[in-house]
Every structure is written in structure tokens, then in C-alpha cells.
Protein backbone atom coordinates (compact mmCIF):
# COMPACT_ATOMS: atom_id res chain seq x y z
CA MET A 1 171.32 -239.73 56.30
CA LYS A 2 169.42 -238.52 53.26
CA ILE A 3 170.74 -235.45 51.48
CA VAL A 4 168.79 -232.79 49.59
CA ILE A 5 170.27 -230.03 47.46
CA ARG A 6 169.56 -226.32 47.67
CA MET A 7 170.92 -223.94 45.04
CA ASP A 8 171.48 -220.34 46.11
CA ASP A 9 171.68 -217.04 44.21
CA ILE A 10 169.36 -217.85 41.31
CA SER A 11 168.95 -214.59 39.39
CA PRO A 12 168.97 -213.32 35.80
CA GLY A 13 172.67 -212.42 35.86
CA MET A 14 173.94 -215.74 37.20
CA ASN A 15 176.47 -217.95 35.43
CA MET A 16 174.06 -219.85 33.18
CA GLY A 17 176.74 -222.21 31.93
CA ASN A 18 177.46 -223.46 35.44
CA PHE A 19 173.75 -223.63 36.23
CA ARG A 20 173.13 -225.76 33.13
CA ARG A 21 176.03 -228.05 33.95
CA PHE A 22 174.82 -228.65 37.50
CA LYS A 23 171.23 -229.10 36.38
CA ARG A 24 172.37 -231.80 33.98
CA ILE A 25 173.89 -233.74 36.90
CA LEU A 26 170.63 -233.44 38.83
CA ASP A 27 168.51 -234.43 35.84
CA GLU A 28 170.59 -237.54 35.22
CA HIS A 29 169.68 -238.75 38.70
CA HIS A 30 166.11 -237.40 38.72
CA ILE A 31 166.88 -235.04 41.61
CA ARG A 32 164.67 -231.99 42.07
CA PRO A 33 166.31 -229.39 44.32
CA LEU A 34 165.22 -226.27 46.14
CA ILE A 35 166.39 -223.05 44.51
CA GLY A 36 166.69 -219.63 46.12
CA VAL A 37 165.46 -217.00 43.66
CA VAL A 38 166.42 -213.37 44.25
CA PRO A 39 163.36 -211.23 43.43
CA GLU A 40 165.33 -208.18 42.29
CA ASN A 41 169.07 -208.70 42.39
CA ARG A 42 171.30 -205.70 43.11
CA ASP A 43 174.39 -207.64 44.18
CA PRO A 44 177.08 -207.19 41.50
CA LYS A 45 178.77 -210.41 42.67
CA LEU A 46 175.80 -212.36 41.30
CA MET A 47 176.09 -210.88 37.82
CA SER A 48 178.20 -212.83 35.35
CA ASP A 49 180.02 -211.17 32.47
CA ASP A 50 177.45 -212.43 29.97
CA VAL A 51 174.13 -211.27 31.37
CA GLU A 52 172.45 -211.11 27.96
CA MET A 53 172.44 -214.88 27.46
CA VAL A 54 169.68 -216.95 29.03
CA TYR A 55 169.40 -220.69 29.44
CA ASP A 56 166.58 -222.69 27.96
CA VAL A 57 166.52 -225.68 30.30
CA HIS A 58 164.36 -227.72 27.94
CA ASN A 59 166.36 -227.29 24.73
CA LYS A 60 169.69 -227.56 26.59
CA GLU A 61 171.25 -224.57 24.92
CA HIS A 62 172.05 -220.93 25.48
CA LYS A 63 169.86 -218.55 23.59
CA THR A 64 168.16 -215.20 23.80
CA GLU A 65 164.51 -216.12 23.84
CA ARG A 66 161.95 -214.21 21.80
CA LEU A 67 158.46 -214.52 23.23
CA ASP A 68 155.21 -214.04 21.31
CA THR A 69 153.38 -212.66 24.35
CA ASP A 70 153.56 -209.36 26.16
CA GLU A 71 156.56 -210.87 27.96
CA SER A 72 158.66 -210.10 24.90
CA THR A 73 159.05 -206.54 26.20
CA GLU A 74 159.68 -207.59 29.77
CA LYS A 75 163.24 -207.43 31.07
CA ASP A 76 164.61 -210.90 31.84
CA ALA A 77 161.40 -212.56 30.62
CA ALA A 78 163.18 -215.75 29.59
CA PHE A 79 164.76 -216.15 33.02
CA TRP A 80 161.40 -215.93 34.77
CA LYS A 81 159.85 -218.32 32.28
CA MET A 82 162.66 -220.74 33.11
CA VAL A 83 161.91 -220.47 36.85
CA ARG A 84 158.20 -221.08 36.26
CA ASN A 85 159.05 -224.13 34.15
CA LEU A 86 161.33 -225.49 36.86
CA GLN A 87 158.60 -225.00 39.46
CA SER A 88 156.13 -226.87 37.25
CA GLU A 89 158.66 -229.72 37.02
CA GLY A 90 158.73 -230.07 40.79
CA TRP A 91 161.66 -227.87 41.73
CA ILE A 92 160.93 -226.06 45.00
CA ILE A 93 161.24 -222.26 44.92
CA ALA A 94 162.36 -220.21 47.91
CA MET A 95 162.51 -216.42 48.01
CA HIS A 96 166.18 -215.57 48.49
CA GLY A 97 166.00 -212.21 50.21
CA LEU A 98 164.91 -209.14 48.25
CA HIS A 99 167.90 -207.51 46.56
CA HIS A 100 170.70 -209.71 47.98
CA GLU A 101 172.25 -206.51 49.30
CA TYR A 102 174.01 -206.60 52.66
CA THR A 103 172.85 -203.63 54.70
CA THR A 104 174.09 -204.57 58.18
CA LYS A 105 176.99 -206.42 59.81
CA LYS A 106 174.74 -208.48 62.03
CA GLY A 107 174.89 -212.27 62.29
CA GLY A 108 171.41 -212.63 63.76
CA LEU A 109 170.14 -215.92 65.15
CA LEU A 110 172.40 -218.07 62.96
CA PRO A 111 175.68 -216.11 62.77
CA LEU A 112 177.42 -218.05 60.01
CA ASN A 113 178.41 -214.68 58.54
CA LYS A 114 178.79 -211.12 59.76
CA GLN A 115 176.62 -209.53 57.11
CA SER A 116 172.90 -209.45 56.51
CA GLU A 117 170.19 -208.04 54.32
CA PHE A 118 167.68 -208.37 57.16
CA ALA A 119 169.14 -208.91 60.65
CA GLY A 120 169.31 -205.69 62.62
CA LEU A 121 166.60 -203.87 60.69
CA SER A 122 163.29 -202.81 62.23
CA LEU A 123 160.27 -205.08 62.07
CA GLU A 124 158.39 -202.61 59.88
CA THR A 125 161.26 -202.39 57.40
CA GLN A 126 161.55 -206.15 57.16
CA ILE A 127 157.81 -206.57 56.68
CA ASP A 128 157.94 -204.10 53.80
CA MET A 129 160.97 -205.81 52.23
CA LEU A 130 159.40 -209.25 52.35
CA ARG A 131 156.11 -207.93 51.01
CA GLU A 132 157.94 -206.30 48.09
CA GLY A 133 159.90 -209.45 47.30
CA LYS A 134 156.81 -211.63 47.39
CA LYS A 135 154.97 -209.23 45.07
CA ILE A 136 157.85 -209.25 42.57
CA LEU A 137 157.75 -213.04 42.46
CA ALA A 138 153.96 -213.04 42.17
CA ASP A 139 154.16 -210.58 39.27
CA HIS A 140 156.32 -213.18 37.52
CA GLY A 141 153.84 -215.96 38.23
CA ILE A 142 155.74 -217.52 41.13
CA ALA A 143 154.17 -218.26 44.51
CA THR A 144 156.10 -219.61 47.49
CA ASP A 145 155.95 -219.76 51.26
CA PHE A 146 159.63 -220.75 51.54
CA PHE A 147 162.33 -218.27 52.61
CA MET A 148 166.11 -218.40 52.19
CA ALA A 149 168.07 -215.62 53.90
CA PRO A 150 171.16 -214.31 52.10
CA SER A 151 174.26 -215.41 54.08
CA HIS A 152 171.89 -217.40 56.37
CA THR A 153 171.45 -214.31 58.55
CA TYR A 154 168.09 -213.38 60.05
CA ASP A 155 166.76 -212.30 63.44
CA ARG A 156 163.52 -212.50 65.44
CA ASN A 157 162.09 -209.55 63.52
CA THR A 158 162.69 -211.50 60.30
CA LEU A 159 160.71 -214.46 61.61
CA THR A 160 157.82 -212.23 62.67
CA ALA A 161 157.91 -210.44 59.31
CA LEU A 162 157.89 -213.78 57.47
CA LEU A 163 154.72 -214.85 59.26
CA ASP A 164 153.13 -211.47 58.57
CA ASN A 165 153.75 -212.05 54.85
CA GLY A 166 152.44 -215.60 54.71
CA PHE A 167 155.77 -217.44 54.74
CA ARG A 168 155.71 -220.73 56.64
CA ARG A 169 159.00 -222.46 55.84
CA VAL A 170 162.68 -221.54 56.17
CA THR A 171 165.69 -223.37 54.72
CA ASP A 172 168.24 -223.01 57.52
CA GLY A 173 169.21 -224.19 60.98
CA PHE A 174 171.01 -227.35 62.08
CA GLY A 175 169.72 -230.83 62.78
CA ILE A 176 168.63 -234.04 61.05
CA ALA A 177 164.89 -233.36 60.84
CA ALA A 178 162.59 -230.54 59.88
CA TYR A 179 161.39 -228.81 63.05
CA ARG A 180 158.78 -226.25 64.09
CA ARG A 181 159.74 -223.10 65.94
CA HIS A 182 158.06 -219.68 66.19
CA ASP A 183 155.17 -221.04 64.05
CA LEU A 184 157.61 -221.68 61.19
CA THR A 185 159.05 -224.95 59.88
CA PHE A 186 162.84 -225.02 59.49
CA TYR A 187 164.65 -227.39 57.13
CA PRO A 188 168.26 -227.68 58.40
CA ILE A 189 171.47 -227.37 56.42
CA SER A 190 174.55 -229.53 56.98
CA PHE A 191 177.09 -228.43 59.57
CA ARG A 192 179.86 -230.27 57.73
CA ARG A 193 179.45 -232.08 54.42
CA GLY A 194 181.90 -234.87 55.21
CA GLY A 195 180.19 -235.63 58.48
CA ALA A 196 176.78 -235.70 56.86
CA VAL A 197 177.91 -238.19 54.21
CA LYS A 198 179.24 -240.54 56.91
CA ASP A 199 176.23 -240.12 59.21
CA LYS A 200 174.16 -243.32 59.15
CA ARG A 201 171.28 -242.04 61.28
CA ASP A 202 167.78 -241.73 59.87
CA GLY A 203 167.16 -238.13 58.89
CA TYR A 204 167.73 -235.44 56.31
CA THR A 205 170.14 -232.59 55.76
CA THR A 206 170.70 -229.93 53.09
CA PHE A 207 173.83 -229.34 51.04
CA VAL A 208 174.13 -225.69 49.99
CA VAL A 209 175.41 -225.15 46.43
CA HIS A 210 176.47 -221.88 44.79
CA THR A 211 176.72 -222.87 41.14
CA ASP A 212 178.19 -219.52 40.07
CA THR A 213 181.52 -220.29 41.73
CA LEU A 214 181.78 -224.06 41.19
CA LYS A 215 185.06 -225.31 39.71
CA ASN A 216 185.66 -228.54 37.78
CA GLU A 217 186.72 -230.46 40.87
CA GLU A 218 183.55 -229.39 42.67
CA PHE A 219 181.36 -230.56 39.82
CA ALA A 220 183.20 -233.89 40.02
CA TYR A 221 182.58 -233.98 43.78
CA TYR A 222 178.83 -233.55 43.35
CA GLU A 223 178.64 -236.09 40.53
CA LYS A 224 180.30 -238.63 42.84
CA LEU A 225 178.19 -237.57 45.82
CA ILE A 226 174.90 -238.00 43.98
CA SER A 227 175.97 -241.27 42.35
CA GLU A 228 177.16 -242.94 45.57
CA ASN A 229 174.94 -241.53 48.33
CA ASP A 230 171.29 -241.23 49.25
CA VAL A 231 170.59 -237.88 47.60
CA VAL A 232 166.85 -237.33 47.16
CA SER A 233 164.45 -234.70 45.85
CA TRP A 234 163.01 -232.08 48.16
CA ASP A 235 159.44 -233.28 47.75
CA GLU A 236 160.39 -236.45 49.64
CA TRP A 237 161.49 -234.45 52.70
CA LEU A 238 158.46 -232.19 52.53
CA LYS A 239 156.21 -235.20 53.03
CA GLU A 240 157.80 -235.86 56.44
CA GLU A 241 156.04 -234.50 59.51
CA PRO A 242 158.20 -231.85 61.26
CA VAL A 243 159.14 -232.34 64.90
CA GLU A 244 158.82 -229.73 67.63
CA ALA A 245 162.07 -227.87 68.28
CA GLY A 246 163.82 -228.78 71.52
CA GLU A 247 164.08 -226.37 74.41
CA PHE A 248 167.70 -225.52 73.63
CA GLN A 249 167.49 -225.62 69.82
CA ALA A 250 168.09 -221.89 69.38
CA ILE A 251 171.08 -221.85 71.72
CA LYS A 252 172.59 -224.95 70.12
CA GLU A 253 172.23 -223.50 66.62
CA TYR A 254 173.73 -220.18 67.63
CA LEU A 255 176.79 -221.84 69.19
CA MET A 256 177.23 -224.21 66.22
CA ALA A 257 177.05 -221.28 63.80
CA ARG A 258 179.63 -219.31 65.78
CA LEU A 259 181.93 -222.33 65.84
CA LYS A 260 181.58 -222.87 62.11
CA TYR A 261 182.29 -219.18 61.46
CA ILE A 262 185.50 -219.43 63.49
CA LEU A 263 186.59 -222.66 61.80
CA VAL A 264 185.91 -221.35 58.28
CA HIS A 265 187.64 -218.03 58.81
CA LYS A 266 190.56 -219.64 60.59
CA LYS A 267 191.32 -221.50 57.34
CA LEU A 268 191.33 -218.32 55.27
């Protein structure tokens, strides 16, 4: 089983020290991940104590960047420049919601959590939200047709709204191959990391990483994982032809998500 990495909650207020540390691990192994960028973050949990410092991924240091262009007056200009640079280096950008604000307690089609920014809202509202998020990214010079739902929660209205806004790919679901459903291509995440590492079948899966909250032992885990396993860049998976989703794919995913929710919360 080949493993790809997706990094969630990429926003101007994130923990840049942790981001830099994880990026260094990826760079050492020439791994280019997918990152979920929040167009306009309003979630206080994604704002570190030091939101004034930005990370220059090329010079490998923290600094407040002074730009010679009109961007010098733009809020968070250095962060957006960093994202554009990463995209030019081959990192894949996904739009991670709009504000990363949870407005409902719906689990949607993949109920890994009982909170959502999208699931449960009207189609018109979701179309407007996705249009706004895409425009914000475009205003910062970033174009993508990839979507990453906060907390993995979305519903049928979300999928229709994605298509209406030109999105074609979603990072979510379960399985060992990218699959087509509802005119979208889904790239599955791992159900259980340990099982994915031991799985010797041909296929791909995604490990979800939240760098903001990583501890030393988790950094050590990922260093070992990447050194000893078949962890590859996203562009390799994107070259594979997606399969058609099976007849019971939606039901299987829903039940797997419910089971994982129960198992995770049982441990808490």
C-alpha cells in the first residue's frame, strides 16, 4: 500500500514552527503532500499565540516578510506567497472549507464527526460559500479544483455545490483507490493508520496530519513512517486512473465512518 500525506488547517495563524519542522521531514524524502488551505479562517483553534511571525520555506527561518510590491500592504501577504511557492514546487492545494467554522451538528455522508461547516445547509448557501472561498483563493493567485471538508463532513448538497463551482476532486472517503462518484473523484483517507502500513495490497491511501497539534513523539512516528514505508508524493497518485465507485460504496463508507466515530470516542 502506498501512502500519501495530506496536511489540514493551513492558514495564516497556524503554528509555523510545527509546519516548518514537518516540512523539513517531507523535504528530506522529496515528498510533496496535499495541503488544505482555509480561505478565510475564523476558527480560533487554528490561531497560534504568535500570529505575527510567518515562515519563509525557502530560507528556513521565521521572519516577517517585507514585500516590494503592492502586497506589502496586504494582510498575511507572506503566508499567501508561501502557499503560491509551495504550489509551484508541486505541492497540491485543496480548499479547506471557507471559514473553518462549524455551523451545524450534522455528520453528513461521512459522519466521522458530529459537526460541520457545510452539511445540513441549503444548496444555495453552500454554493455561495464555495464560490466565496474559491474567489478568495483566486485573489491570492491560487487555483484549485480540490476540496477538503473541515471535519470530513459534507452532504449531497455539498457535492452538487462543488460541481456548480468547478470543483472536481475531493480528499475523503475510504478505499485503496481513487474512485468516481456523483461526477467527482474521491481520494480516500486511511481508516486506521496501523492497518494501512501493514496492508500489502496494491493501492493508495491518505494519512491526515494536523501539524498544529503534533508532539515530539508524533514527529518521530512520521520520520520513521516515511523512512521505512512506501510514502509517495501526491502527483504519483493523481496520474492513476480512478475507478468507478461500487454500488454500495456510499453505504460502506457511512457505516465505516460511524464505526470509527464510536471507536475514537469510546477511547476518550
